[in-house]
Amino acid sequence: MRAVFAVTFAALLLAGCSSPAQRMSNCVAQGVSRDACYVAEQNRQAAITAAAEKQALENARSQ
């Protein structure tokens, strides 16, 4: 149970305080194409998911 909480907490910390829509808007406002901003957001989400899964596996191994 602690492992699930730790992974969820880590994901929330990595997510920051802005929403995907806010990050997309900020990206486009800087003159970057909407397509490039979308790819960057998808990569960001994939990195967060991968980090959470990695941590969950490490936590499972240590128990």
PDB file of N, CA and C in Angstrom:
ATOM      1  N   MET A   1       0.821  -1.197   0.000  1.00  0.00           N
ATOM      2  CA  MET A   1       0.000   0.000   0.000  1.00  0.00           C
ATOM      3  C   MET A   1       0.863   1.257   0.000  1.00  0.00           C
ATOM      4  N   ARG A   2       1.955   1.231   0.766  1.00  0.00           N
ATOM      5  CA  ARG A   2       2.836   2.390   0.792  1.00  0.00           C
ATOM      6  C   ARG A   2       3.463   2.635  -0.569  1.00  0.00           C
ATOM      7  N   ALA A   3       3.754   1.550  -1.290  1.00  0.00           N
ATOM      8  CA  ALA A   3       4.379   1.689  -2.609  1.00  0.00           C
ATOM      9  C   ALA A   3       3.441   2.415  -3.573  1.00  0.00           C
ATOM     10  N   VAL A   4       2.178   2.061  -3.545  1.00  0.00           N
ATOM     11  CA  VAL A   4       1.211   2.709  -4.429  1.00  0.00           C
ATOM     12  C   VAL A   4       1.114   4.189  -4.083  1.00  0.00           C
ATOM     13  N   PHE A   5       1.079   4.499  -2.810  1.00  0.00           N
ATOM     14  CA  PHE A   5       1.010   5.894  -2.386  1.00  0.00           C
ATOM     15  C   PHE A   5       2.262   6.644  -2.831  1.00  0.00           C
ATOM     16  N   ALA A   6       3.425   6.035  -2.678  1.00  0.00           N
ATOM     17  CA  ALA A   6       4.678   6.691  -3.053  1.00  0.00           C
ATOM     18  C   ALA A   6       4.733   6.967  -4.544  1.00  0.00           C
ATOM     19  N   VAL A   7       4.291   6.012  -5.348  1.00  0.00           N
ATOM     20  CA  VAL A   7       4.299   6.203  -6.797  1.00  0.00           C
ATOM     21  C   VAL A   7       3.322   7.299  -7.199  1.00  0.00           C
ATOM     22  N   THR A   8       2.141   7.286  -6.610  1.00  0.00           N
ATOM     23  CA  THR A   8       1.149   8.312  -6.912  1.00  0.00           C
ATOM     24  C   THR A   8       1.667   9.687  -6.515  1.00  0.00           C
ATOM     25  N   PHE A   9       2.270   9.776  -5.350  1.00  0.00           N
ATOM     26  CA  PHE A   9       2.810  11.039  -4.877  1.00  0.00           C
ATOM     27  C   PHE A   9       3.927  11.529  -5.807  1.00  0.00           C
ATOM     28  N   ALA A  10       4.809  10.628  -6.212  1.00  0.00           N
ATOM     29  CA  ALA A  10       5.896  10.994  -7.114  1.00  0.00           C
ATOM     30  C   ALA A  10       5.349  11.495  -8.448  1.00  0.00           C
ATOM     31  N   ALA A  11       4.337  10.830  -8.961  1.00  0.00           N
ATOM     32  CA  ALA A  11       3.747  11.256 -10.231  1.00  0.00           C
ATOM     33  C   ALA A  11       3.126  12.644 -10.109  1.00  0.00           C
ATOM     34  N   LEU A  12       2.486  12.897  -8.989  1.00  0.00           N
ATOM     35  CA  LEU A  12       1.895  14.226  -8.785  1.00  0.00           C
ATOM     36  C   LEU A  12       2.972  15.305  -8.677  1.00  0.00           C
ATOM     37  N   LEU A  13       4.063  14.978  -8.024  1.00  0.00           N
ATOM     38  CA  LEU A  13       5.158  15.948  -7.936  1.00  0.00           C
ATOM     39  C   LEU A  13       5.742  16.234  -9.309  1.00  0.00           C
ATOM     40  N   LEU A  14       5.907  15.193 -10.105  1.00  0.00           N
ATOM     41  CA  LEU A  14       6.452  15.382 -11.445  1.00  0.00           C
ATOM     42  C   LEU A  14       5.484  16.130 -12.349  1.00  0.00           C
ATOM     43  N   ALA A  15       4.213  15.984 -12.087  1.00  0.00           N
ATOM     44  CA  ALA A  15       3.209  16.607 -12.938  1.00  0.00           C
ATOM     45  C   ALA A  15       3.199  18.124 -12.793  1.00  0.00           C
ATOM     46  N   GLY A  16       3.600  18.624 -11.646  1.00  0.00           N
ATOM     47  CA  GLY A  16       3.610  20.067 -11.441  1.00  0.00           C
ATOM     48  C   GLY A  16       2.215  20.606 -11.214  1.00  0.00           C
ATOM     49  N   CYS A  17       2.090  21.897 -11.309  1.00  0.00           N
ATOM     50  CA  CYS A  17       0.824  22.540 -10.991  1.00  0.00           C
ATOM     51  C   CYS A  17       0.032  22.964 -12.220  1.00  0.00           C
ATOM     52  N   SER A  18       0.609  22.815 -13.394  1.00  0.00           N
ATOM     53  CA  SER A  18      -0.105  23.260 -14.585  1.00  0.00           C
ATOM     54  C   SER A  18      -0.772  22.079 -15.282  1.00  0.00           C
ATOM     55  N   SER A  19      -1.841  22.377 -15.961  1.00  0.00           N
ATOM     56  CA  SER A  19      -2.577  21.334 -16.684  1.00  0.00           C
ATOM     57  C   SER A  19      -1.952  21.149 -18.065  1.00  0.00           C
ATOM     58  N   PRO A  20      -2.251  20.023 -18.708  1.00  0.00           N
ATOM     59  CA  PRO A  20      -1.747  19.840 -20.071  1.00  0.00           C
ATOM     60  C   PRO A  20      -2.172  20.974 -21.002  1.00  0.00           C
ATOM     61  N   ALA A  21      -3.389  21.458 -20.838  1.00  0.00           N
ATOM     62  CA  ALA A  21      -3.869  22.555 -21.680  1.00  0.00           C
ATOM     63  C   ALA A  21      -3.053  23.826 -21.446  1.00  0.00           C
ATOM     64  N   GLN A  22      -2.711  24.093 -20.180  1.00  0.00           N
ATOM     65  CA  GLN A  22      -1.891  25.272 -19.870  1.00  0.00           C
ATOM     66  C   GLN A  22      -0.502  25.138 -20.481  1.00  0.00           C
ATOM     67  N   ARG A  23       0.096  23.942 -20.361  1.00  0.00           N
ATOM     68  CA  ARG A  23       1.429  23.731 -20.936  1.00  0.00           C
ATOM     69  C   ARG A  23       1.391  23.869 -22.451  1.00  0.00           C
ATOM     70  N   MET A  24       0.341  23.342 -23.088  1.00  0.00           N
ATOM     71  CA  MET A  24       0.208  23.480 -24.538  1.00  0.00           C
ATOM     72  C   MET A  24       0.072  24.944 -24.935  1.00  0.00           C
ATOM     73  N   SER A  25      -0.745  25.665 -24.207  1.00  0.00           N
ATOM     74  CA  SER A  25      -0.950  27.081 -24.496  1.00  0.00           C
ATOM     75  C   SER A  25       0.348  27.869 -24.345  1.00  0.00           C
ATOM     76  N   ASN A  26       1.089  27.597 -23.272  1.00  0.00           N
ATOM     77  CA  ASN A  26       2.366  28.286 -23.060  1.00  0.00           C
ATOM     78  C   ASN A  26       3.363  27.957 -24.162  1.00  0.00           C
ATOM     79  N   CYS A  27       3.375  26.713 -24.574  1.00  0.00           N
ATOM     80  CA  CYS A  27       4.278  26.268 -25.635  1.00  0.00           C
ATOM     81  C   CYS A  27       3.956  26.995 -26.945  1.00  0.00           C
ATOM     82  N   VAL A  28       2.693  26.995 -27.328  1.00  0.00           N
ATOM     83  CA  VAL A  28       2.267  27.652 -28.566  1.00  0.00           C
ATOM     84  C   VAL A  28       2.530  29.154 -28.484  1.00  0.00           C
ATOM     85  N   ALA A  29       2.327  29.738 -27.310  1.00  0.00           N
ATOM     86  CA  ALA A  29       2.550  31.171 -27.131  1.00  0.00           C
ATOM     87  C   ALA A  29       4.019  31.560 -27.343  1.00  0.00           C
ATOM     88  N   GLN A  30       4.919  30.592 -27.179  1.00  0.00           N
ATOM     89  CA  GLN A  30       6.338  30.860 -27.395  1.00  0.00           C
ATOM     90  C   GLN A  30       6.725  30.736 -28.867  1.00  0.00           C
ATOM     91  N   GLY A  31       5.749  30.484 -29.712  1.00  0.00           N
ATOM     92  CA  GLY A  31       6.004  30.419 -31.142  1.00  0.00           C
ATOM     93  C   GLY A  31       6.317  29.030 -31.667  1.00  0.00           C
ATOM     94  N   VAL A  32       6.155  28.014 -30.840  1.00  0.00           N
ATOM     95  CA  VAL A  32       6.395  26.634 -31.264  1.00  0.00           C
ATOM     96  C   VAL A  32       5.117  26.121 -31.913  1.00  0.00           C
ATOM     97  N   SER A  33       5.274  25.288 -32.948  1.00  0.00           N
ATOM     98  CA  SER A  33       4.088  24.768 -33.638  1.00  0.00           C
ATOM     99  C   SER A  33       3.251  23.912 -32.694  1.00  0.00           C
ATOM    100  N   ARG A  34       1.957  23.901 -32.948  1.00  0.00           N
ATOM    101  CA  ARG A  34       1.042  23.120 -32.112  1.00  0.00           C
ATOM    102  C   ARG A  34       1.401  21.632 -32.164  1.00  0.00           C
ATOM    103  N   ASP A  35       1.803  21.146 -33.332  1.00  0.00           N
ATOM    104  CA  ASP A  35       2.186  19.738 -33.461  1.00  0.00           C
ATOM    105  C   ASP A  35       3.396  19.417 -32.585  1.00  0.00           C
ATOM    106  N   ALA A  36       4.404  20.287 -32.604  1.00  0.00           N
ATOM    107  CA  ALA A  36       5.601  20.063 -31.786  1.00  0.00           C
ATOM    108  C   ALA A  36       5.255  20.121 -30.298  1.00  0.00           C
ATOM    109  N   CYS A  37       4.379  21.033 -29.918  1.00  0.00           N
ATOM    110  CA  CYS A  37       3.957  21.132 -28.520  1.00  0.00           C
ATOM    111  C   CYS A  37       3.217  19.869 -28.091  1.00  0.00           C
ATOM    112  N   TYR A  38       2.389  19.339 -29.000  1.00  0.00           N
ATOM    113  CA  TYR A  38       1.642  18.118 -28.697  1.00  0.00           C
ATOM    114  C   TYR A  38       2.600  16.947 -28.472  1.00  0.00           C
ATOM    115  N   VAL A  39       3.592  16.821 -29.349  1.00  0.00           N
ATOM    116  CA  VAL A  39       4.568  15.732 -29.217  1.00  0.00           C
ATOM    117  C   VAL A  39       5.340  15.887 -27.903  1.00  0.00           C
ATOM    118  N   ALA A  40       5.719  17.100 -27.572  1.00  0.00           N
ATOM    119  CA  ALA A  40       6.444  17.339 -26.323  1.00  0.00           C
ATOM    120  C   ALA A  40       5.588  16.954 -25.116  1.00  0.00           C
ATOM    121  N   GLU A  41       4.315  17.267 -25.150  1.00  0.00           N
ATOM    122  CA  GLU A  41       3.409  16.919 -24.043  1.00  0.00           C
ATOM    123  C   GLU A  41       3.239  15.407 -23.935  1.00  0.00           C
ATOM    124  N   GLN A  42       3.115  14.741 -25.071  1.00  0.00           N
ATOM    125  CA  GLN A  42       3.004  13.284 -25.061  1.00  0.00           C
ATOM    126  C   GLN A  42       4.272  12.648 -24.499  1.00  0.00           C
ATOM    127  N   ASN A  43       5.427  13.169 -24.876  1.00  0.00           N
ATOM    128  CA  ASN A  43       6.698  12.658 -24.355  1.00  0.00           C
ATOM    129  C   ASN A  43       6.804  12.897 -22.850  1.00  0.00           C
ATOM    130  N   ARG A  44       6.317  14.031 -22.404  1.00  0.00           N
ATOM    131  CA  ARG A  44       6.340  14.346 -20.975  1.00  0.00           C
ATOM    132  C   ARG A  44       5.495  13.352 -20.188  1.00  0.00           C
ATOM    133  N   GLN A  45       4.295  13.090 -20.696  1.00  0.00           N
ATOM    134  CA  GLN A  45       3.410  12.136 -20.029  1.00  0.00           C
ATOM    135  C   GLN A  45       4.012  10.729 -20.021  1.00  0.00           C
ATOM    136  N   ALA A  46       4.640  10.341 -21.127  1.00  0.00           N
ATOM    137  CA  ALA A  46       5.264   9.018 -21.209  1.00  0.00           C
ATOM    138  C   ALA A  46       6.414   8.905 -20.210  1.00  0.00           C
ATOM    139  N   ALA A  47       7.173   9.971 -20.045  1.00  0.00           N
ATOM    140  CA  ALA A  47       8.291   9.956 -19.093  1.00  0.00           C
ATOM    141  C   ALA A  47       7.785   9.826 -17.655  1.00  0.00           C
ATOM    142  N   ILE A  48       6.712  10.519 -17.341  1.00  0.00           N
ATOM    143  CA  ILE A  48       6.136  10.435 -15.998  1.00  0.00           C
ATOM    144  C   ILE A  48       5.628   9.019 -15.731  1.00  0.00           C
ATOM    145  N   THR A  49       4.940   8.446 -16.702  1.00  0.00           N
ATOM    146  CA  THR A  49       4.427   7.087 -16.556  1.00  0.00           C
ATOM    147  C   THR A  49       5.561   6.083 -16.392  1.00  0.00           C
ATOM    148  N   ALA A  50       6.603   6.235 -17.209  1.00  0.00           N
ATOM    149  CA  ALA A  50       7.744   5.319 -17.124  1.00  0.00           C
ATOM    150  C   ALA A  50       8.428   5.417 -15.766  1.00  0.00           C
ATOM    151  N   ALA A  51       8.585   6.626 -15.246  1.00  0.00           N
ATOM    152  CA  ALA A  51       9.212   6.809 -13.940  1.00  0.00           C
ATOM    153  C   ALA A  51       8.367   6.172 -12.833  1.00  0.00           C
ATOM    154  N   ALA A  52       7.057   6.335 -12.933  1.00  0.00           N
ATOM    155  CA  ALA A  52       6.165   5.746 -11.921  1.00  0.00           C
ATOM    156  C   ALA A  52       6.210   4.219 -11.977  1.00  0.00           C
ATOM    157  N   GLU A  53       6.212   3.667 -13.193  1.00  0.00           N
ATOM    158  CA  GLU A  53       6.279   2.210 -13.325  1.00  0.00           C
ATOM    159  C   GLU A  53       7.611   1.667 -12.817  1.00  0.00           C
ATOM    160  N   LYS A  54       8.697   2.357 -13.116  1.00  0.00           N
ATOM    161  CA  LYS A  54      10.018   1.941 -12.654  1.00  0.00           C
ATOM    162  C   LYS A  54      10.068   1.932 -11.132  1.00  0.00           C
ATOM    163  N   GLN A  55       9.530   2.990 -10.529  1.00  0.00           N
ATOM    164  CA  GLN A  55       9.529   3.066  -9.075  1.00  0.00           C
ATOM    165  C   GLN A  55       8.666   1.979  -8.457  1.00  0.00           C
ATOM    166  N   ALA A  56       7.530   1.689  -9.080  1.00  0.00           N
ATOM    167  CA  ALA A  56       6.649   0.645  -8.577  1.00  0.00           C
ATOM    168  C   ALA A  56       7.354  -0.719  -8.623  1.00  0.00           C
ATOM    169  N   LEU A  57       8.076  -0.995  -9.693  1.00  0.00           N
ATOM    170  CA  LEU A  57       8.811  -2.254  -9.797  1.00  0.00           C
ATOM    171  C   LEU A  57       9.911  -2.328  -8.744  1.00  0.00           C
ATOM    172  N   GLU A  58      10.629  -1.239  -8.538  1.00  0.00           N
ATOM    173  CA  GLU A  58      11.674  -1.220  -7.513  1.00  0.00           C
ATOM    174  C   GLU A  58      11.076  -1.426  -6.134  1.00  0.00           C
ATOM    175  N   ASN A  59       9.944  -0.810  -5.887  1.00  0.00           N
ATOM    176  CA  ASN A  59       9.284  -0.964  -4.588  1.00  0.00           C
ATOM    177  C   ASN A  59       8.818  -2.411  -4.398  1.00  0.00           C
ATOM    178  N   ALA A  60       8.308  -3.014  -5.441  1.00  0.00           N
ATOM    179  CA  ALA A  60       7.821  -4.400  -5.356  1.00  0.00           C
ATOM    180  C   ALA A  60       8.993  -5.357  -5.087  1.00  0.00           C
ATOM    181  N   ARG A  61      10.125  -5.090  -5.690  1.00  0.00           N
ATOM    182  CA  ARG A  61      11.290  -5.945  -5.489  1.00  0.00           C
ATOM    183  C   ARG A  61      11.835  -5.850  -4.067  1.00  0.00           C
ATOM    184  N   SER A  62      11.715  -4.677  -3.472  1.00  0.00           N
ATOM    185  CA  SER A  62      12.315  -4.467  -2.137  1.00  0.00           C
ATOM    186  C   SER A  62      11.449  -5.021  -0.999  1.00  0.00           C
ATOM    187  N   GLN A  63      10.267  -5.476  -1.299  1.00  0.00           N
ATOM    188  CA  GLN A  63       9.380  -5.992  -0.244  1.00  0.00           C
ATOM    189  C   GLN A  63       9.519  -7.475  -0.080  1.00  0.00           C
TER     190      GLN A  63
END
